[in-house]
Amino acid sequence: MPRIAARACSRGLPPRARTAVPGALDDAVAAYRACWPRARACDIVIAGDSAGGGLSVSTALRLRELEQPLPRALVLFSPWIDLSLEQLPQAARAR
């Protein structure tokens, strides 16, 4: 996500996104903020699939914690948001 945002909004972001937490989350928040000079927060949509969907949700939650303007929407494709795996059926957890 930061790499896409860097191309769309800013040249001041790291050339490679970090994948480890909290680096990836920090990069995603930085990418979102980098878009502000060219777009209003209400015009920005954050999207992700699988772990990227989880990162999208985490980014929105971090922005809310920081009392920053929130994106217009999140688009999530099969987001991995339950890292504890507590929502899996008992049979799947036994494997």
PDB file of N, CA and C in Angstrom:
ATOM      1  N   MET A   1       0.811  -1.195   0.000  1.00  0.00           N
ATOM      2  CA  MET A   1       0.000   0.000   0.000  1.00  0.00           C
ATOM      3  C   MET A   1       0.854   1.260   0.000  1.00  0.00           C
ATOM      4  N   PRO A   2       1.881   1.395   0.847  1.00  0.00           N
ATOM      5  CA  PRO A   2       2.666   2.623   0.811  1.00  0.00           C
ATOM      6  C   PRO A   2       3.301   2.876  -0.554  1.00  0.00           C
ATOM      7  N   ARG A   3       3.730   1.817  -1.237  1.00  0.00           N
ATOM      8  CA  ARG A   3       4.359   2.005  -2.539  1.00  0.00           C
ATOM      9  C   ARG A   3       3.365   2.571  -3.553  1.00  0.00           C
ATOM     10  N   ILE A   4       2.135   2.063  -3.543  1.00  0.00           N
ATOM     11  CA  ILE A   4       1.102   2.581  -4.445  1.00  0.00           C
ATOM     12  C   ILE A   4       0.798   4.027  -4.098  1.00  0.00           C
ATOM     13  N   ALA A   5       0.641   4.305  -2.811  1.00  0.00           N
ATOM     14  CA  ALA A   5       0.346   5.673  -2.399  1.00  0.00           C
ATOM     15  C   ALA A   5       1.505   6.595  -2.735  1.00  0.00           C
ATOM     16  N   ALA A   6       2.730   6.086  -2.609  1.00  0.00           N
ATOM     17  CA  ALA A   6       3.887   6.912  -2.928  1.00  0.00           C
ATOM     18  C   ALA A   6       3.847   7.325  -4.393  1.00  0.00           C
ATOM     19  N   ARG A   7       3.478   6.423  -5.258  1.00  0.00           N
ATOM     20  CA  ARG A   7       3.384   6.761  -6.680  1.00  0.00           C
ATOM     21  C   ARG A   7       2.248   7.724  -6.950  1.00  0.00           C
ATOM     22  N   ALA A   8       1.163   7.567  -6.215  1.00  0.00           N
ATOM     23  CA  ALA A   8      -0.014   8.396  -6.469  1.00  0.00           C
ATOM     24  C   ALA A   8       0.069   9.759  -5.802  1.00  0.00           C
ATOM     25  N   CYS A   9       0.746   9.842  -4.657  1.00  0.00           N
ATOM     26  CA  CYS A   9       0.630  11.052  -3.845  1.00  0.00           C
ATOM     27  C   CYS A   9       1.933  11.751  -3.478  1.00  0.00           C
ATOM     28  N   SER A  10       3.017  11.042  -3.338  1.00  0.00           N
ATOM     29  CA  SER A  10       4.206  11.675  -2.786  1.00  0.00           C
ATOM     30  C   SER A  10       5.469  10.948  -3.221  1.00  0.00           C
ATOM     31  N   ARG A  11       6.565  11.671  -3.185  1.00  0.00           N
ATOM     32  CA  ARG A  11       7.868  11.068  -3.471  1.00  0.00           C
ATOM     33  C   ARG A  11       8.690  10.909  -2.195  1.00  0.00           C
ATOM     34  N   GLY A  12       8.159  11.319  -1.062  1.00  0.00           N
ATOM     35  CA  GLY A  12       8.931  11.333   0.168  1.00  0.00           C
ATOM     36  C   GLY A  12       8.806  10.101   1.037  1.00  0.00           C
ATOM     37  N   LEU A  13       8.249   9.020   0.524  1.00  0.00           N
ATOM     38  CA  LEU A  13       8.083   7.806   1.318  1.00  0.00           C
ATOM     39  C   LEU A  13       9.185   6.804   1.011  1.00  0.00           C
ATOM     40  N   PRO A  14       9.390   5.851   1.911  1.00  0.00           N
ATOM     41  CA  PRO A  14      10.420   4.838   1.660  1.00  0.00           C
ATOM     42  C   PRO A  14      10.137   4.087   0.356  1.00  0.00           C
ATOM     43  N   PRO A  15      11.173   3.742  -0.410  1.00  0.00           N
ATOM     44  CA  PRO A  15      10.944   3.046  -1.681  1.00  0.00           C
ATOM     45  C   PRO A  15      10.383   1.649  -1.510  1.00  0.00           C
ATOM     46  N   ARG A  16      10.633   1.014  -0.394  1.00  0.00           N
ATOM     47  CA  ARG A  16      10.111  -0.331  -0.145  1.00  0.00           C
ATOM     48  C   ARG A  16       9.296  -0.316   1.137  1.00  0.00           C
ATOM     49  N   ALA A  17       8.149  -0.920   1.067  1.00  0.00           N
ATOM     50  CA  ALA A  17       7.303  -0.998   2.255  1.00  0.00           C
ATOM     51  C   ALA A  17       7.883  -2.014   3.225  1.00  0.00           C
ATOM     52  N   ARG A  18       7.810  -1.713   4.495  1.00  0.00           N
ATOM     53  CA  ARG A  18       8.214  -2.673   5.518  1.00  0.00           C
ATOM     54  C   ARG A  18       7.060  -3.639   5.737  1.00  0.00           C
ATOM     55  N   THR A  19       7.363  -4.874   5.992  1.00  0.00           N
ATOM     56  CA  THR A  19       6.304  -5.864   6.177  1.00  0.00           C
ATOM     57  C   THR A  19       6.115  -6.251   7.630  1.00  0.00           C
ATOM     58  N   ALA A  20       7.042  -5.909   8.487  1.00  0.00           N
ATOM     59  CA  ALA A  20       6.926  -6.267   9.900  1.00  0.00           C
ATOM     60  C   ALA A  20       6.125  -5.213  10.652  1.00  0.00           C
ATOM     61  N   VAL A  21       5.369  -5.686  11.631  1.00  0.00           N
ATOM     62  CA  VAL A  21       4.630  -4.772  12.497  1.00  0.00           C
ATOM     63  C   VAL A  21       5.609  -4.266  13.540  1.00  0.00           C
ATOM     64  N   PRO A  22       5.645  -3.010  13.943  1.00  0.00           N
ATOM     65  CA  PRO A  22       4.726  -1.950  13.553  1.00  0.00           C
ATOM     66  C   PRO A  22       5.178  -1.153  12.330  1.00  0.00           C
ATOM     67  N   GLY A  23       6.277  -1.538  11.695  1.00  0.00           N
ATOM     68  CA  GLY A  23       6.777  -0.779  10.552  1.00  0.00           C
ATOM     69  C   GLY A  23       5.771  -0.646   9.431  1.00  0.00           C
ATOM     70  N   ALA A  24       5.079  -1.729   9.103  1.00  0.00           N
ATOM     71  CA  ALA A  24       4.094  -1.682   8.018  1.00  0.00           C
ATOM     72  C   ALA A  24       2.961  -0.718   8.359  1.00  0.00           C
ATOM     73  N   LEU A  25       2.524  -0.723   9.599  1.00  0.00           N
ATOM     74  CA  LEU A  25       1.457   0.180  10.013  1.00  0.00           C
ATOM     75  C   LEU A  25       1.930   1.631   9.971  1.00  0.00           C
ATOM     76  N   ASP A  26       3.131   1.868  10.437  1.00  0.00           N
ATOM     77  CA  ASP A  26       3.693   3.229  10.376  1.00  0.00           C
ATOM     78  C   ASP A  26       3.808   3.697   8.933  1.00  0.00           C
ATOM     79  N   ASP A  27       4.241   2.809   8.034  1.00  0.00           N
ATOM     80  CA  ASP A  27       4.352   3.158   6.612  1.00  0.00           C
ATOM     81  C   ASP A  27       2.988   3.455   6.005  1.00  0.00           C
ATOM     82  N   ALA A  28       1.980   2.669   6.387  1.00  0.00           N
ATOM     83  CA  ALA A  28       0.635   2.882   5.848  1.00  0.00           C
ATOM     84  C   ALA A  28       0.069   4.223   6.310  1.00  0.00           C
ATOM     85  N   VAL A  29       0.283   4.571   7.572  1.00  0.00           N
ATOM     86  CA  VAL A  29      -0.180   5.866   8.080  1.00  0.00           C
ATOM     87  C   VAL A  29       0.573   6.994   7.372  1.00  0.00           C
ATOM     88  N   ALA A  30       1.878   6.816   7.169  1.00  0.00           N
ATOM     89  CA  ALA A  30       2.670   7.837   6.463  1.00  0.00           C
ATOM     90  C   ALA A  30       2.195   8.005   5.022  1.00  0.00           C
ATOM     91  N   ALA A  31       1.865   6.906   4.373  1.00  0.00           N
ATOM     92  CA  ALA A  31       1.373   6.978   2.993  1.00  0.00           C
ATOM     93  C   ALA A  31       0.044   7.714   2.939  1.00  0.00           C
ATOM     94  N   TYR A  32      -0.825   7.426   3.884  1.00  0.00           N
ATOM     95  CA  TYR A  32      -2.122   8.105   3.944  1.00  0.00           C
ATOM     96  C   TYR A  32      -1.919   9.609   4.129  1.00  0.00           C
ATOM     97  N   ARG A  33      -1.057   9.963   5.059  1.00  0.00           N
ATOM     98  CA  ARG A  33      -0.797  11.384   5.313  1.00  0.00           C
ATOM     99  C   ARG A  33      -0.137  12.055   4.110  1.00  0.00           C
ATOM    100  N   ALA A  34       0.665  11.322   3.378  1.00  0.00           N
ATOM    101  CA  ALA A  34       1.338  11.887   2.198  1.00  0.00           C
ATOM    102  C   ALA A  34       0.341  12.254   1.109  1.00  0.00           C
ATOM    103  N   CYS A  35      -0.809  11.629   1.122  1.00  0.00           N
ATOM    104  CA  CYS A  35      -1.831  11.931   0.116  1.00  0.00           C
ATOM    105  C   CYS A  35      -2.556  13.241   0.389  1.00  0.00           C
ATOM    106  N   TRP A  36      -2.502  13.741   1.600  1.00  0.00           N
ATOM    107  CA  TRP A  36      -3.254  14.935   1.954  1.00  0.00           C
ATOM    108  C   TRP A  36      -2.952  16.158   1.093  1.00  0.00           C
ATOM    109  N   PRO A  37      -1.702  16.420   0.702  1.00  0.00           N
ATOM    110  CA  PRO A  37      -1.486  17.631  -0.097  1.00  0.00           C
ATOM    111  C   PRO A  37      -2.243  17.619  -1.430  1.00  0.00           C
ATOM    112  N   ARG A  38      -2.502  16.436  -1.974  1.00  0.00           N
ATOM    113  CA  ARG A  38      -3.160  16.345  -3.278  1.00  0.00           C
ATOM    114  C   ARG A  38      -4.605  15.888  -3.213  1.00  0.00           C
ATOM    115  N   ALA A  39      -5.021  15.362  -2.086  1.00  0.00           N
ATOM    116  CA  ALA A  39      -6.396  14.851  -1.954  1.00  0.00           C
ATOM    117  C   ALA A  39      -6.871  15.100  -0.536  1.00  0.00           C
ATOM    118  N   ARG A  40      -8.144  15.375  -0.400  1.00  0.00           N
ATOM    119  CA  ARG A  40      -8.719  15.485   0.936  1.00  0.00           C
ATOM    120  C   ARG A  40      -8.877  14.081   1.499  1.00  0.00           C
ATOM    121  N   ALA A  41      -8.801  13.970   2.804  1.00  0.00           N
ATOM    122  CA  ALA A  41      -8.949  12.653   3.438  1.00  0.00           C
ATOM    123  C   ALA A  41     -10.263  12.003   3.028  1.00  0.00           C
ATOM    124  N   CYS A  42     -11.308  12.811   2.842  1.00  0.00           N
ATOM    125  CA  CYS A  42     -12.605  12.229   2.507  1.00  0.00           C
ATOM    126  C   CYS A  42     -12.635  11.684   1.074  1.00  0.00           C
ATOM    127  N   ASP A  43     -11.591  11.912   0.295  1.00  0.00           N
ATOM    128  CA  ASP A  43     -11.515  11.378  -1.071  1.00  0.00           C
ATOM    129  C   ASP A  43     -10.625  10.140  -1.164  1.00  0.00           C
ATOM    130  N   ILE A  44     -10.059   9.710  -0.050  1.00  0.00           N
ATOM    131  CA  ILE A  44      -9.118   8.592  -0.042  1.00  0.00           C
ATOM    132  C   ILE A  44      -9.832   7.316   0.386  1.00  0.00           C
ATOM    133  N   VAL A  45      -9.568   6.229  -0.337  1.00  0.00           N
ATOM    134  CA  VAL A  45     -10.084   4.907   0.002  1.00  0.00           C
ATOM    135  C   VAL A  45      -8.879   4.009   0.257  1.00  0.00           C
ATOM    136  N   ILE A  46      -8.904   3.281   1.353  1.00  0.00           N
ATOM    137  CA  ILE A  46      -7.835   2.330   1.672  1.00  0.00           C
ATOM    138  C   ILE A  46      -8.359   0.931   1.370  1.00  0.00           C
ATOM    139  N   ALA A  47      -7.578   0.146   0.633  1.00  0.00           N
ATOM    140  CA  ALA A  47      -8.011  -1.203   0.249  1.00  0.00           C
ATOM    141  C   ALA A  47      -6.899  -2.210   0.518  1.00  0.00           C
ATOM    142  N   GLY A  48      -7.307  -3.454   0.750  1.00  0.00           N
ATOM    143  CA  GLY A  48      -6.328  -4.512   0.939  1.00  0.00           C
ATOM    144  C   GLY A  48      -6.999  -5.868   0.953  1.00  0.00           C
ATOM    145  N   ASP A  49      -6.194  -6.893   0.651  1.00  0.00           N
ATOM    146  CA  ASP A  49      -6.714  -8.254   0.713  1.00  0.00           C
ATOM    147  C   ASP A  49      -5.844  -9.081   1.650  1.00  0.00           C
ATOM    148  N   SER A  50      -6.447 -10.065   2.280  1.00  0.00           N
ATOM    149  CA  SER A  50      -5.781 -10.959   3.206  1.00  0.00           C
ATOM    150  C   SER A  50      -5.100 -10.137   4.308  1.00  0.00           C
ATOM    151  N   ALA A  51      -3.806 -10.291   4.513  1.00  0.00           N
ATOM    152  CA  ALA A  51      -3.102  -9.525   5.541  1.00  0.00           C
ATOM    153  C   ALA A  51      -3.152  -8.034   5.232  1.00  0.00           C
ATOM    154  N   GLY A  52      -3.211  -7.675   3.959  1.00  0.00           N
ATOM    155  CA  GLY A  52      -3.348  -6.265   3.580  1.00  0.00           C
ATOM    156  C   GLY A  52      -4.688  -5.693   4.012  1.00  0.00           C
ATOM    157  N   GLY A  53      -5.710  -6.533   4.055  1.00  0.00           N
ATOM    158  CA  GLY A  53      -7.002  -6.100   4.579  1.00  0.00           C
ATOM    159  C   GLY A  53      -6.913  -5.808   6.064  1.00  0.00           C
ATOM    160  N   GLY A  54      -6.186  -6.664   6.768  1.00  0.00           N
ATOM    161  CA  GLY A  54      -5.954  -6.414   8.190  1.00  0.00           C
ATOM    162  C   GLY A  54      -5.170  -5.135   8.405  1.00  0.00           C
ATOM    163  N   LEU A  55      -4.173  -4.894   7.551  1.00  0.00           N
ATOM    164  CA  LEU A  55      -3.392  -3.662   7.636  1.00  0.00           C
ATOM    165  C   LEU A  55      -4.274  -2.448   7.349  1.00  0.00           C
ATOM    166  N   SER A  56      -5.206  -2.578   6.421  1.00  0.00           N
ATOM    167  CA  SER A  56      -6.126  -1.479   6.116  1.00  0.00           C
ATOM    168  C   SER A  56      -6.972  -1.124   7.335  1.00  0.00           C
ATOM    169  N   VAL A  57      -7.495  -2.146   8.011  1.00  0.00           N
ATOM    170  CA  VAL A  57      -8.294  -1.915   9.218  1.00  0.00           C
ATOM    171  C   VAL A  57      -7.421  -1.309  10.313  1.00  0.00           C
ATOM    172  N   SER A  58      -6.230  -1.848  10.495  1.00  0.00           N
ATOM    173  CA  SER A  58      -5.316  -1.320  11.517  1.00  0.00           C
ATOM    174  C   SER A  58      -4.956   0.134  11.235  1.00  0.00           C
ATOM    175  N   THR A  59      -4.778   0.467   9.967  1.00  0.00           N
ATOM    176  CA  THR A  59      -4.459   1.847   9.592  1.00  0.00           C
ATOM    177  C   THR A  59      -5.603   2.778   9.961  1.00  0.00           C
ATOM    178  N   ALA A  60      -6.822   2.386   9.638  1.00  0.00           N
ATOM    179  CA  ALA A  60      -7.981   3.220   9.976  1.00  0.00           C
ATOM    180  C   ALA A  60      -8.119   3.377  11.496  1.00  0.00           C
ATOM    181  N   LEU A  61      -7.888   2.300  12.238  1.00  0.00           N
ATOM    182  CA  LEU A  61      -7.973   2.382  13.695  1.00  0.00           C
ATOM    183  C   LEU A  61      -6.886   3.288  14.259  1.00  0.00           C
ATOM    184  N   ARG A  62      -5.668   3.199  13.716  1.00  0.00           N
ATOM    185  CA  ARG A  62      -4.570   4.074  14.168  1.00  0.00           C
ATOM    186  C   ARG A  62      -4.902   5.537  13.861  1.00  0.00           C
ATOM    187  N   LEU A  63      -5.441   5.797  12.681  1.00  0.00           N
ATOM    188  CA  LEU A  63      -5.818   7.169  12.329  1.00  0.00           C
ATOM    189  C   LEU A  63      -6.869   7.703  13.301  1.00  0.00           C
ATOM    190  N   ARG A  64      -7.820   6.845  13.666  1.00  0.00           N
ATOM    191  CA  ARG A  64      -8.845   7.259  14.633  1.00  0.00           C
ATOM    192  C   ARG A  64      -8.222   7.561  15.991  1.00  0.00           C
ATOM    193  N   GLU A  65      -7.275   6.696  16.427  1.00  0.00           N
ATOM    194  CA  GLU A  65      -6.576   6.930  17.701  1.00  0.00           C
ATOM    195  C   GLU A  65      -5.834   8.255  17.690  1.00  0.00           C
ATOM    196  N   LEU A  66      -5.253   8.596  16.535  1.00  0.00           N
ATOM    197  CA  LEU A  66      -4.487   9.834  16.387  1.00  0.00           C
ATOM    198  C   LEU A  66      -5.382  11.044  16.110  1.00  0.00           C
ATOM    199  N   GLU A  67      -6.687  10.802  16.081  1.00  0.00           N
ATOM    200  CA  GLU A  67      -7.679  11.845  15.805  1.00  0.00           C
ATOM    201  C   GLU A  67      -7.402  12.540  14.469  1.00  0.00           C
ATOM    202  N   GLN A  68      -7.047  11.736  13.473  1.00  0.00           N
ATOM    203  CA  GLN A  68      -6.805  12.222  12.119  1.00  0.00           C
ATOM    204  C   GLN A  68      -8.076  12.046  11.294  1.00  0.00           C
ATOM    205  N   PRO A  69      -8.217  12.814  10.216  1.00  0.00           N
ATOM    206  CA  PRO A  69      -9.368  12.599   9.334  1.00  0.00           C
ATOM    207  C   PRO A  69      -9.347  11.170   8.786  1.00  0.00           C
ATOM    208  N   LEU A  70     -10.497  10.548   8.741  1.00  0.00           N
ATOM    209  CA  LEU A  70     -10.585   9.155   8.290  1.00  0.00           C
ATOM    210  C   LEU A  70     -10.846   9.079   6.791  1.00  0.00           C
ATOM    211  N   PRO A  71     -10.434   7.974   6.168  1.00  0.00           N
ATOM    212  CA  PRO A  71     -10.701   7.809   4.733  1.00  0.00           C
ATOM    213  C   PRO A  71     -12.194   7.672   4.467  1.00  0.00           C
ATOM    214  N   ARG A  72     -12.558   7.874   3.215  1.00  0.00           N
ATOM    215  CA  ARG A  72     -13.968   7.751   2.820  1.00  0.00           C
ATOM    216  C   ARG A  72     -14.473   6.330   3.065  1.00  0.00           C
ATOM    217  N   ALA A  73     -13.627   5.336   2.761  1.00  0.00           N
ATOM    218  CA  ALA A  73     -14.060   3.942   2.889  1.00  0.00           C
ATOM    219  C   ALA A  73     -12.857   3.030   3.012  1.00  0.00           C
ATOM    220  N   LEU A  74     -13.135   1.816   3.475  1.00  0.00           N
ATOM    221  CA  LEU A  74     -12.174   0.714   3.428  1.00  0.00           C
ATOM    222  C   LEU A  74     -12.755  -0.320   2.485  1.00  0.00           C
ATOM    223  N   VAL A  75     -11.925  -0.891   1.619  1.00  0.00           N
ATOM    224  CA  VAL A  75     -12.338  -1.983   0.745  1.00  0.00           C
ATOM    225  C   VAL A  75     -11.503  -3.181   1.165  1.00  0.00           C
ATOM    226  N   LEU A  76     -12.174  -4.212   1.676  1.00  0.00           N
ATOM    227  CA  LEU A  76     -11.484  -5.369   2.245  1.00  0.00           C
ATOM    228  C   LEU A  76     -11.893  -6.630   1.504  1.00  0.00           C
ATOM    229  N   PHE A  77     -10.894  -7.354   1.030  1.00  0.00           N
ATOM    230  CA  PHE A  77     -11.113  -8.628   0.343  1.00  0.00           C
ATOM    231  C   PHE A  77     -10.551  -9.732   1.229  1.00  0.00           C
ATOM    232  N   SER A  78     -11.417 -10.544   1.800  1.00  0.00           N
ATOM    233  CA  SER A  78     -11.002 -11.633   2.693  1.00  0.00           C
ATOM    234  C   SER A  78      -9.941 -11.167   3.691  1.00  0.00           C
ATOM    235  N   PRO A  79     -10.257 -10.144   4.481  1.00  0.00           N
ATOM    236  CA  PRO A  79      -9.232  -9.612   5.385  1.00  0.00           C
ATOM    237  C   PRO A  79      -8.896 -10.590   6.499  1.00  0.00           C
ATOM    238  N   TRP A  80      -7.624 -10.659   6.816  1.00  0.00           N
ATOM    239  CA  TRP A  80      -7.156 -11.469   7.944  1.00  0.00           C
ATOM    240  C   TRP A  80      -7.105 -10.530   9.137  1.00  0.00           C
ATOM    241  N   ILE A  81      -8.180 -10.507   9.915  1.00  0.00           N
ATOM    242  CA  ILE A  81      -8.255  -9.563  11.019  1.00  0.00           C
ATOM    243  C   ILE A  81      -8.312 -10.243  12.381  1.00  0.00           C
ATOM    244  N   ASP A  82      -8.547 -11.536  12.426  1.00  0.00           N
ATOM    245  CA  ASP A  82      -8.575 -12.264  13.687  1.00  0.00           C
ATOM    246  C   ASP A  82      -7.291 -13.072  13.809  1.00  0.00           C
ATOM    247  N   LEU A  83      -6.223 -12.414  14.229  1.00  0.00           N
ATOM    248  CA  LEU A  83      -4.928 -13.092  14.314  1.00  0.00           C
ATOM    249  C   LEU A  83      -4.880 -14.110  15.443  1.00  0.00           C
ATOM    250  N   SER A  84      -5.816 -14.025  16.375  1.00  0.00           N
ATOM    251  CA  SER A  84      -5.858 -14.998  17.472  1.00  0.00           C
ATOM    252  C   SER A  84      -6.479 -16.312  17.013  1.00  0.00           C
ATOM    253  N   LEU A  85      -7.160 -16.296  15.882  1.00  0.00           N
ATOM    254  CA  LEU A  85      -7.868 -17.455  15.328  1.00  0.00           C
ATOM    255  C   LEU A  85      -8.963 -17.980  16.256  1.00  0.00           C
ATOM    256  N   GLU A  86      -9.464 -17.129  17.155  1.00  0.00           N
ATOM    257  CA  GLU A  86     -10.510 -17.528  18.079  1.00  0.00           C
ATOM    258  C   GLU A  86     -11.848 -17.755  17.393  1.00  0.00           C
ATOM    259  N   GLN A  87     -12.051 -17.199  16.217  1.00  0.00           N
ATOM    260  CA  GLN A  87     -13.326 -17.332  15.534  1.00  0.00           C
ATOM    261  C   GLN A  87     -13.418 -18.606  14.683  1.00  0.00           C
ATOM    262  N   LEU A  88     -12.341 -19.368  14.606  1.00  0.00           N
ATOM    263  CA  LEU A  88     -12.380 -20.622  13.855  1.00  0.00           C
ATOM    264  C   LEU A  88     -13.238 -21.653  14.577  1.00  0.00           C
ATOM    265  N   PRO A  89     -13.934 -22.476  13.830  1.00  0.00           N
ATOM    266  CA  PRO A  89     -14.663 -23.567  14.480  1.00  0.00           C
ATOM    267  C   PRO A  89     -13.693 -24.483  15.242  1.00  0.00           C
ATOM    268  N   GLN A  90     -14.200 -25.123  16.291  1.00  0.00           N
ATOM    269  CA  GLN A  90     -13.374 -25.992  17.130  1.00  0.00           C
ATOM    270  C   GLN A  90     -12.644 -27.058  16.308  1.00  0.00           C
ATOM    271  N   ALA A  91     -13.314 -27.651  15.314  1.00  0.00           N
ATOM    272  CA  ALA A  91     -12.692 -28.721  14.501  1.00  0.00           C
ATOM    273  C   ALA A  91     -11.484 -28.188  13.729  1.00  0.00           C
ATOM    274  N   ALA A  92     -11.568 -26.981  13.235  1.00  0.00           N
ATOM    275  CA  ALA A  92     -10.449 -26.409  12.480  1.00  0.00           C
ATOM    276  C   ALA A  92      -9.276 -26.099  13.395  1.00  0.00           C
ATOM    277  N   ARG A  93      -9.549 -25.693  14.619  1.00  0.00           N
ATOM    278  CA  ARG A  93      -8.462 -25.396  15.566  1.00  0.00           C
ATOM    279  C   ARG A  93      -7.745 -26.649  16.020  1.00  0.00           C
ATOM    280  N   ALA A  94      -8.434 -27.778  16.011  1.00  0.00           N
ATOM    281  CA  ALA A  94      -7.839 -29.039  16.466  1.00  0.00           C
ATOM    282  C   ALA A  94      -6.827 -29.589  15.480  1.00  0.00           C
ATOM    283  N   ARG A  95      -6.839 -29.120  14.245  1.00  0.00           N
ATOM    284  CA  ARG A  95      -5.928 -29.656  13.228  1.00  0.00           C
ATOM    285  C   ARG A  95      -4.519 -29.306  13.475  1.00  0.00           C
TER     286      ARG A  95
END
